[in-house]
């Protein structure tokens, strides 16, 4: 979130410049689009952004389970380890 706010990201693909976000299995891409849409032309305050994240995004264990199901269903493949 800080990267998107600081760099004024306009499209989700720009987030790939932050540690290659969204370039693996594809699970996070819809979340990245929602984040960029929320940031818009005038980013929310850190407190507003935190509240929005808590309301819109699953807990980390739920997120991990969703990613696992995404990969298991053949919709994506995580990058291979170096």
PDB file of N, CA and C in Angstrom:
ATOM      1  N   UNK A   1       0.807  -1.171   0.000  1.00  0.00           N
ATOM      2  CA  UNK A   1       0.000   0.000   0.000  1.00  0.00           C
ATOM      3  C   UNK A   1       0.864   1.255   0.000  1.00  0.00           C
ATOM      4  N   UNK A   2       1.909   1.213   0.786  1.00  0.00           N
ATOM      5  CA  UNK A   2       2.783   2.386   0.821  1.00  0.00           C
ATOM      6  C   UNK A   2       3.417   2.643  -0.537  1.00  0.00           C
ATOM      7  N   UNK A   3       3.820   1.575  -1.222  1.00  0.00           N
ATOM      8  CA  UNK A   3       4.418   1.747  -2.545  1.00  0.00           C
ATOM      9  C   UNK A   3       3.428   2.440  -3.476  1.00  0.00           C
ATOM     10  N   UNK A   4       2.189   1.967  -3.484  1.00  0.00           N
ATOM     11  CA  UNK A   4       1.157   2.556  -4.354  1.00  0.00           C
ATOM     12  C   UNK A   4       0.918   4.019  -3.999  1.00  0.00           C
ATOM     13  N   UNK A   5       0.914   4.311  -2.712  1.00  0.00           N
ATOM     14  CA  UNK A   5       0.668   5.688  -2.261  1.00  0.00           C
ATOM     15  C   UNK A   5       1.844   6.595  -2.601  1.00  0.00           C
ATOM     16  N   UNK A   6       3.036   6.168  -2.290  1.00  0.00           N
ATOM     17  CA  UNK A   6       4.229   6.998  -2.490  1.00  0.00           C
ATOM     18  C   UNK A   6       4.516   7.223  -3.970  1.00  0.00           C
ATOM     19  N   UNK A   7       4.360   6.175  -4.778  1.00  0.00           N
ATOM     20  CA  UNK A   7       4.690   6.265  -6.203  1.00  0.00           C
ATOM     21  C   UNK A   7       3.507   6.658  -7.079  1.00  0.00           C
ATOM     22  N   UNK A   8       2.369   6.927  -6.444  1.00  0.00           N
ATOM     23  CA  UNK A   8       1.159   7.360  -7.175  1.00  0.00           C
ATOM     24  C   UNK A   8       0.852   6.413  -8.335  1.00  0.00           C
ATOM     25  N   UNK A   9       0.775   5.150  -8.017  1.00  0.00           N
ATOM     26  CA  UNK A   9       0.503   4.111  -9.008  1.00  0.00           C
ATOM     27  C   UNK A   9      -0.856   4.363  -9.651  1.00  0.00           C
ATOM     28  N   UNK A  10      -0.915   4.294 -10.969  1.00  0.00           N
ATOM     29  CA  UNK A  10      -2.151   4.552 -11.719  1.00  0.00           C
ATOM     30  C   UNK A  10      -2.799   3.279 -12.252  1.00  0.00           C
ATOM     31  N   UNK A  11      -1.987   2.251 -12.528  1.00  0.00           N
ATOM     32  CA  UNK A  11      -2.505   0.968 -13.007  1.00  0.00           C
ATOM     33  C   UNK A  11      -1.839  -0.153 -12.209  1.00  0.00           C
ATOM     34  N   UNK A  12      -2.588  -1.232 -12.014  1.00  0.00           N
ATOM     35  CA  UNK A  12      -2.107  -2.323 -11.165  1.00  0.00           C
ATOM     36  C   UNK A  12      -0.773  -2.901 -11.627  1.00  0.00           C
ATOM     37  N   UNK A  13      -0.529  -2.932 -12.924  1.00  0.00           N
ATOM     38  CA  UNK A  13       0.721  -3.523 -13.418  1.00  0.00           C
ATOM     39  C   UNK A  13       1.954  -2.771 -12.922  1.00  0.00           C
ATOM     40  N   UNK A  14       1.794  -1.510 -12.532  1.00  0.00           N
ATOM     41  CA  UNK A  14       2.929  -0.759 -11.992  1.00  0.00           C
ATOM     42  C   UNK A  14       3.403  -1.339 -10.664  1.00  0.00           C
ATOM     43  N   UNK A  15       2.536  -2.067  -9.974  1.00  0.00           N
ATOM     44  CA  UNK A  15       2.926  -2.661  -8.701  1.00  0.00           C
ATOM     45  C   UNK A  15       3.968  -3.757  -8.875  1.00  0.00           C
ATOM     46  N   UNK A  16       4.141  -4.256 -10.093  1.00  0.00           N
ATOM     47  CA  UNK A  16       5.166  -5.274 -10.332  1.00  0.00           C
ATOM     48  C   UNK A  16       6.561  -4.713 -10.073  1.00  0.00           C
ATOM     49  N   UNK A  17       6.693  -3.402 -10.086  1.00  0.00           N
ATOM     50  CA  UNK A  17       7.978  -2.763  -9.796  1.00  0.00           C
ATOM     51  C   UNK A  17       8.331  -2.872  -8.315  1.00  0.00           C
ATOM     52  N   UNK A  18       7.364  -3.273  -7.499  1.00  0.00           N
ATOM     53  CA  UNK A  18       7.585  -3.458  -6.063  1.00  0.00           C
ATOM     54  C   UNK A  18       7.746  -4.951  -5.799  1.00  0.00           C
ATOM     55  N   UNK A  19       8.949  -5.422  -5.805  1.00  0.00           N
ATOM     56  CA  UNK A  19       9.295  -6.813  -5.530  1.00  0.00           C
ATOM     57  C   UNK A  19       8.528  -7.792  -6.417  1.00  0.00           C
ATOM     58  N   UNK A  20       8.294  -7.409  -7.670  1.00  0.00           N
ATOM     59  CA  UNK A  20       7.645  -8.262  -8.677  1.00  0.00           C
ATOM     60  C   UNK A  20       6.222  -8.671  -8.304  1.00  0.00           C
ATOM     61  N   UNK A  21       5.527  -7.831  -7.584  1.00  0.00           N
ATOM     62  CA  UNK A  21       4.145  -8.134  -7.182  1.00  0.00           C
ATOM     63  C   UNK A  21       3.289  -8.453  -8.396  1.00  0.00           C
ATOM     64  N   UNK A  22       2.475  -9.492  -8.270  1.00  0.00           N
ATOM     65  CA  UNK A  22       1.532  -9.849  -9.322  1.00  0.00           C
ATOM     66  C   UNK A  22       2.109 -10.577 -10.511  1.00  0.00           C
ATOM     67  N   UNK A  23       3.359 -10.984 -10.441  1.00  0.00           N
ATOM     68  CA  UNK A  23       3.979 -11.633 -11.602  1.00  0.00           C
ATOM     69  C   UNK A  23       4.054 -13.145 -11.461  1.00  0.00           C
ATOM     70  N   UNK A  24       3.504 -13.678 -10.386  1.00  0.00           N
ATOM     71  CA  UNK A  24       3.564 -15.126 -10.162  1.00  0.00           C
ATOM     72  C   UNK A  24       2.321 -15.831 -10.662  1.00  0.00           C
ATOM     73  N   UNK A  25       1.547 -16.382  -9.745  1.00  0.00           N
ATOM     74  CA  UNK A  25       0.402 -17.221 -10.107  1.00  0.00           C
ATOM     75  C   UNK A  25      -0.826 -16.419 -10.521  1.00  0.00           C
ATOM     76  N   UNK A  26      -0.848 -15.124 -10.247  1.00  0.00           N
ATOM     77  CA  UNK A  26      -1.976 -14.291 -10.657  1.00  0.00           C
ATOM     78  C   UNK A  26      -3.050 -14.123  -9.606  1.00  0.00           C
ATOM     79  N   UNK A  27      -2.943 -14.813  -8.491  1.00  0.00           N
ATOM     80  CA  UNK A  27      -3.959 -14.755  -7.447  1.00  0.00           C
ATOM     81  C   UNK A  27      -4.180 -13.332  -6.929  1.00  0.00           C
ATOM     82  N   UNK A  28      -3.159 -12.562  -6.792  1.00  0.00           N
ATOM     83  CA  UNK A  28      -3.280 -11.240  -6.171  1.00  0.00           C
ATOM     84  C   UNK A  28      -3.690 -10.133  -7.143  1.00  0.00           C
ATOM     85  N   UNK A  29      -3.784 -10.418  -8.416  1.00  0.00           N
ATOM     86  CA  UNK A  29      -4.023  -9.348  -9.391  1.00  0.00           C
ATOM     87  C   UNK A  29      -5.336  -8.613  -9.184  1.00  0.00           C
ATOM     88  N   UNK A  30      -6.413  -9.316  -8.853  1.00  0.00           N
ATOM     89  CA  UNK A  30      -7.684  -8.616  -8.634  1.00  0.00           C
ATOM     90  C   UNK A  30      -7.593  -7.718  -7.404  1.00  0.00           C
ATOM     91  N   UNK A  31      -6.883  -8.176  -6.375  1.00  0.00           N
ATOM     92  CA  UNK A  31      -6.692  -7.353  -5.181  1.00  0.00           C
ATOM     93  C   UNK A  31      -5.861  -6.115  -5.516  1.00  0.00           C
ATOM     94  N   UNK A  32      -4.871  -6.284  -6.371  1.00  0.00           N
ATOM     95  CA  UNK A  32      -4.038  -5.147  -6.772  1.00  0.00           C
ATOM     96  C   UNK A  32      -4.863  -4.119  -7.542  1.00  0.00           C
ATOM     97  N   UNK A  33      -5.759  -4.590  -8.403  1.00  0.00           N
ATOM     98  CA  UNK A  33      -6.620  -3.656  -9.152  1.00  0.00           C
ATOM     99  C   UNK A  33      -7.534  -2.887  -8.207  1.00  0.00           C
ATOM    100  N   UNK A  34      -8.118  -3.594  -7.223  1.00  0.00           N
ATOM    101  CA  UNK A  34      -8.990  -2.911  -6.253  1.00  0.00           C
ATOM    102  C   UNK A  34      -8.212  -1.864  -5.473  1.00  0.00           C
ATOM    103  N   UNK A  35      -6.999  -2.186  -5.087  1.00  0.00           N
ATOM    104  CA  UNK A  35      -6.173  -1.244  -4.339  1.00  0.00           C
ATOM    105  C   UNK A  35      -5.881   0.002  -5.163  1.00  0.00           C
ATOM    106  N   UNK A  36      -5.475  -0.174  -6.400  1.00  0.00           N
ATOM    107  CA  UNK A  36      -5.167   0.969  -7.264  1.00  0.00           C
ATOM    108  C   UNK A  36      -6.421   1.806  -7.490  1.00  0.00           C
ATOM    109  N   UNK A  37      -7.558   1.151  -7.704  1.00  0.00           N
ATOM    110  CA  UNK A  37      -8.816   1.892  -7.868  1.00  0.00           C
ATOM    111  C   UNK A  37      -9.134   2.705  -6.621  1.00  0.00           C
ATOM    112  N   UNK A  38      -8.903   2.129  -5.447  1.00  0.00           N
ATOM    113  CA  UNK A  38      -9.196   2.821  -4.183  1.00  0.00           C
ATOM    114  C   UNK A  38      -8.269   4.013  -3.982  1.00  0.00           C
ATOM    115  N   UNK A  39      -7.029   3.872  -4.396  1.00  0.00           N
ATOM    116  CA  UNK A  39      -6.070   4.960  -4.211  1.00  0.00           C
ATOM    117  C   UNK A  39      -6.478   6.166  -5.053  1.00  0.00           C
ATOM    118  N   UNK A  40      -6.964   5.930  -6.261  1.00  0.00           N
ATOM    119  CA  UNK A  40      -7.473   6.998  -7.110  1.00  0.00           C
ATOM    120  C   UNK A  40      -6.544   8.184  -7.255  1.00  0.00           C
ATOM    121  N   UNK A  41      -7.126   9.324  -7.564  1.00  0.00           N
ATOM    122  CA  UNK A  41      -6.346  10.547  -7.759  1.00  0.00           C
ATOM    123  C   UNK A  41      -5.903  11.174  -6.448  1.00  0.00           C
ATOM    124  N   UNK A  42      -6.663  10.950  -5.391  1.00  0.00           N
ATOM    125  CA  UNK A  42      -6.282  11.506  -4.088  1.00  0.00           C
ATOM    126  C   UNK A  42      -6.263  10.366  -3.077  1.00  0.00           C
ATOM    127  N   UNK A  43      -5.080   9.860  -2.767  1.00  0.00           N
ATOM    128  CA  UNK A  43      -4.963   8.736  -1.846  1.00  0.00           C
ATOM    129  C   UNK A  43      -5.613   9.037  -0.498  1.00  0.00           C
ATOM    130  N   UNK A  44      -6.253   8.027   0.104  1.00  0.00           N
ATOM    131  CA  UNK A  44      -6.857   8.215   1.421  1.00  0.00           C
ATOM    132  C   UNK A  44      -5.782   8.363   2.487  1.00  0.00           C
ATOM    133  N   UNK A  45      -6.189   8.855   3.636  1.00  0.00           N
ATOM    134  CA  UNK A  45      -5.252   8.962   4.753  1.00  0.00           C
ATOM    135  C   UNK A  45      -4.854   7.551   5.180  1.00  0.00           C
ATOM    136  N   UNK A  46      -3.732   7.412   5.865  1.00  0.00           N
ATOM    137  CA  UNK A  46      -3.323   6.078   6.327  1.00  0.00           C
ATOM    138  C   UNK A  46      -4.402   5.393   7.172  1.00  0.00           C
ATOM    139  N   UNK A  47      -5.088   6.150   8.041  1.00  0.00           N
ATOM    140  CA  UNK A  47      -6.140   5.554   8.868  1.00  0.00           C
ATOM    141  C   UNK A  47      -7.318   5.079   8.023  1.00  0.00           C
ATOM    142  N   UNK A  48      -7.743   5.900   7.050  1.00  0.00           N
ATOM    143  CA  UNK A  48      -8.842   5.507   6.165  1.00  0.00           C
ATOM    144  C   UNK A  48      -8.465   4.276   5.349  1.00  0.00           C
ATOM    145  N   UNK A  49      -7.235   4.248   4.878  1.00  0.00           N
ATOM    146  CA  UNK A  49      -6.770   3.111   4.094  1.00  0.00           C
ATOM    147  C   UNK A  49      -6.749   1.849   4.948  1.00  0.00           C
ATOM    148  N   UNK A  50      -6.289   1.961   6.177  1.00  0.00           N
ATOM    149  CA  UNK A  50      -6.247   0.800   7.071  1.00  0.00           C
ATOM    150  C   UNK A  50      -7.650   0.262   7.324  1.00  0.00           C
ATOM    151  N   UNK A  51      -8.614   1.145   7.579  1.00  0.00           N
ATOM    152  CA  UNK A  51     -10.002   0.711   7.786  1.00  0.00           C
ATOM    153  C   UNK A  51     -10.541  -0.001   6.548  1.00  0.00           C
ATOM    154  N   UNK A  52     -10.277   0.578   5.377  1.00  0.00           N
ATOM    155  CA  UNK A  52     -10.739  -0.011   4.124  1.00  0.00           C
ATOM    156  C   UNK A  52     -10.137  -1.402   3.929  1.00  0.00           C
ATOM    157  N   UNK A  53      -8.846  -1.538   4.190  1.00  0.00           N
ATOM    158  CA  UNK A  53      -8.184  -2.838   4.047  1.00  0.00           C
ATOM    159  C   UNK A  53      -8.798  -3.878   4.981  1.00  0.00           C
ATOM    160  N   UNK A  54      -9.074  -3.486   6.219  1.00  0.00           N
ATOM    161  CA  UNK A  54      -9.665  -4.410   7.183  1.00  0.00           C
ATOM    162  C   UNK A  54     -11.059  -4.851   6.752  1.00  0.00           C
ATOM    163  N   UNK A  55     -11.800  -3.956   6.094  1.00  0.00           N
ATOM    164  CA  UNK A  55     -13.155  -4.282   5.637  1.00  0.00           C
ATOM    165  C   UNK A  55     -13.146  -5.101   4.345  1.00  0.00           C
ATOM    166  N   UNK A  56     -12.225  -4.817   3.447  1.00  0.00           N
ATOM    167  CA  UNK A  56     -12.240  -5.394   2.101  1.00  0.00           C
ATOM    168  C   UNK A  56     -11.414  -6.655   1.909  1.00  0.00           C
ATOM    169  N   UNK A  57     -10.393  -6.841   2.703  1.00  0.00           N
ATOM    170  CA  UNK A  57      -9.471  -7.941   2.454  1.00  0.00           C
ATOM    171  C   UNK A  57      -9.569  -9.004   3.534  1.00  0.00           C
ATOM    172  N   UNK A  58      -9.377 -10.271   3.142  1.00  0.00           N
ATOM    173  CA  UNK A  58      -9.446 -11.369   4.113  1.00  0.00           C
ATOM    174  C   UNK A  58      -8.226 -11.366   5.033  1.00  0.00           C
ATOM    175  N   UNK A  59      -8.355 -12.088   6.120  1.00  0.00           N
ATOM    176  CA  UNK A  59      -7.219 -12.286   7.014  1.00  0.00           C
ATOM    177  C   UNK A  59      -6.158 -13.084   6.257  1.00  0.00           C
ATOM    178  N   UNK A  60      -4.924 -13.027   6.716  1.00  0.00           N
ATOM    179  CA  UNK A  60      -3.825 -13.657   5.971  1.00  0.00           C
ATOM    180  C   UNK A  60      -4.032 -15.155   5.766  1.00  0.00           C
ATOM    181  N   UNK A  61      -4.580 -15.861   6.759  1.00  0.00           N
ATOM    182  CA  UNK A  61      -4.786 -17.301   6.585  1.00  0.00           C
ATOM    183  C   UNK A  61      -5.866 -17.578   5.536  1.00  0.00           C
ATOM    184  N   UNK A  62      -6.911 -16.747   5.470  1.00  0.00           N
ATOM    185  CA  UNK A  62      -7.950 -16.901   4.449  1.00  0.00           C
ATOM    186  C   UNK A  62      -7.381 -16.583   3.066  1.00  0.00           C
ATOM    187  N   UNK A  63      -6.555 -15.560   3.002  1.00  0.00           N
ATOM    188  CA  UNK A  63      -5.929 -15.177   1.736  1.00  0.00           C
ATOM    189  C   UNK A  63      -5.047 -16.318   1.231  1.00  0.00           C
ATOM    190  N   UNK A  64      -4.249 -16.886   2.128  1.00  0.00           N
ATOM    191  CA  UNK A  64      -3.353 -17.987   1.755  1.00  0.00           C
ATOM    192  C   UNK A  64      -4.149 -19.200   1.270  1.00  0.00           C
ATOM    193  N   UNK A  65      -5.269 -19.491   1.923  1.00  0.00           N
ATOM    194  CA  UNK A  65      -6.103 -20.620   1.505  1.00  0.00           C
ATOM    195  C   UNK A  65      -6.712 -20.365   0.126  1.00  0.00           C
ATOM    196  N   UNK A  66      -7.159 -19.148  -0.120  1.00  0.00           N
ATOM    197  CA  UNK A  66      -7.702 -18.798  -1.430  1.00  0.00           C
ATOM    198  C   UNK A  66      -6.661 -18.944  -2.523  1.00  0.00           C
ATOM    199  N   UNK A  67      -5.442 -18.523  -2.234  1.00  0.00           N
ATOM    200  CA  UNK A  67      -4.345 -18.652  -3.209  1.00  0.00           C
ATOM    201  C   UNK A  67      -4.048 -20.115  -3.484  1.00  0.00           C
ATOM    202  N   UNK A  68      -4.038 -20.902  -2.421  1.00  0.00           N
ATOM    203  CA  UNK A  68      -3.782 -22.334  -2.556  1.00  0.00           C
ATOM    204  C   UNK A  68      -4.843 -22.985  -3.456  1.00  0.00           C
ATOM    205  N   UNK A  69      -6.099 -22.633  -3.261  1.00  0.00           N
ATOM    206  CA  UNK A  69      -7.183 -23.174  -4.088  1.00  0.00           C
ATOM    207  C   UNK A  69      -7.062 -22.695  -5.536  1.00  0.00           C
ATOM    208  N   UNK A  70      -6.679 -21.443  -5.718  1.00  0.00           N
ATOM    209  CA  UNK A  70      -6.481 -20.871  -7.053  1.00  0.00           C
ATOM    210  C   UNK A  70      -5.441 -21.685  -7.825  1.00  0.00           C
ATOM    211  N   UNK A  71      -4.344 -21.976  -7.183  1.00  0.00           N
ATOM    212  CA  UNK A  71      -3.260 -22.740  -7.815  1.00  0.00           C
ATOM    213  C   UNK A  71      -3.695 -24.187  -8.056  1.00  0.00           C
ATOM    214  N   UNK A  72      -4.358 -24.791  -7.062  1.00  0.00           N
ATOM    215  CA  UNK A  72      -4.792 -26.185  -7.187  1.00  0.00           C
ATOM    216  C   UNK A  72      -5.802 -26.376  -8.318  1.00  0.00           C
ATOM    217  N   UNK A  73      -6.595 -25.344  -8.595  1.00  0.00           N
ATOM    218  CA  UNK A  73      -7.603 -25.455  -9.654  1.00  0.00           C
ATOM    219  C   UNK A  73      -7.013 -25.224 -11.044  1.00  0.00           C
ATOM    220  N   UNK A  74      -5.704 -24.982 -11.099  1.00  0.00           N
ATOM    221  CA  UNK A  74      -5.033 -24.819 -12.386  1.00  0.00           C
ATOM    222  C   UNK A  74      -5.102 -23.420 -12.962  1.00  0.00           C
ATOM    223  N   UNK A  75      -5.525 -22.451 -12.165  1.00  0.00           N
ATOM    224  CA  UNK A  75      -5.654 -21.073 -12.659  1.00  0.00           C
ATOM    225  C   UNK A  75      -4.350 -20.289 -12.568  1.00  0.00           C
ATOM    226  N   UNK A  76      -3.359 -20.862 -11.954  1.00  0.00           N
ATOM    227  CA  UNK A  76      -2.083 -20.165 -11.840  1.00  0.00           C
ATOM    228  C   UNK A  76      -1.013 -21.104 -11.336  1.00  0.00           C
ATOM    229  N   UNK A  77       0.212 -20.678 -11.482  1.00  0.00           N
ATOM    230  CA  UNK A  77       1.335 -21.475 -11.012  1.00  0.00           C
ATOM    231  C   UNK A  77       2.328 -20.528 -10.366  1.00  0.00           C
ATOM    232  N   UNK A  78       2.714 -20.810  -9.127  1.00  0.00           N
ATOM    233  CA  UNK A  78       3.680 -19.925  -8.478  1.00  0.00           C
ATOM    234  C   UNK A  78       5.021 -19.982  -9.191  1.00  0.00           C
ATOM    235  N   UNK A  79       5.793 -18.913  -9.096  1.00  0.00           N
ATOM    236  CA  UNK A  79       7.113 -18.927  -9.729  1.00  0.00           C
ATOM    237  C   UNK A  79       7.993 -19.995  -9.094  1.00  0.00           C
ATOM    238  N   UNK A  80       8.879 -20.551  -9.876  1.00  0.00           N
ATOM    239  CA  UNK A  80       9.791 -21.557  -9.340  1.00  0.00           C
ATOM    240  C   UNK A  80      10.818 -20.892  -8.443  1.00  0.00           C
ATOM    241  N   UNK A  81      11.282 -21.642  -7.476  1.00  0.00           N
ATOM    242  CA  UNK A  81      12.282 -21.120  -6.539  1.00  0.00           C
ATOM    243  C   UNK A  81      13.623 -20.985  -7.235  1.00  0.00           C
ATOM    244  N   UNK A  82      14.400 -19.972  -6.837  1.00  0.00           N
ATOM    245  CA  UNK A  82      15.728 -19.788  -7.460  1.00  0.00           C
ATOM    246  C   UNK A  82      16.692 -20.882  -7.097  1.00  0.00           C
TER     247      UNK A  82
END
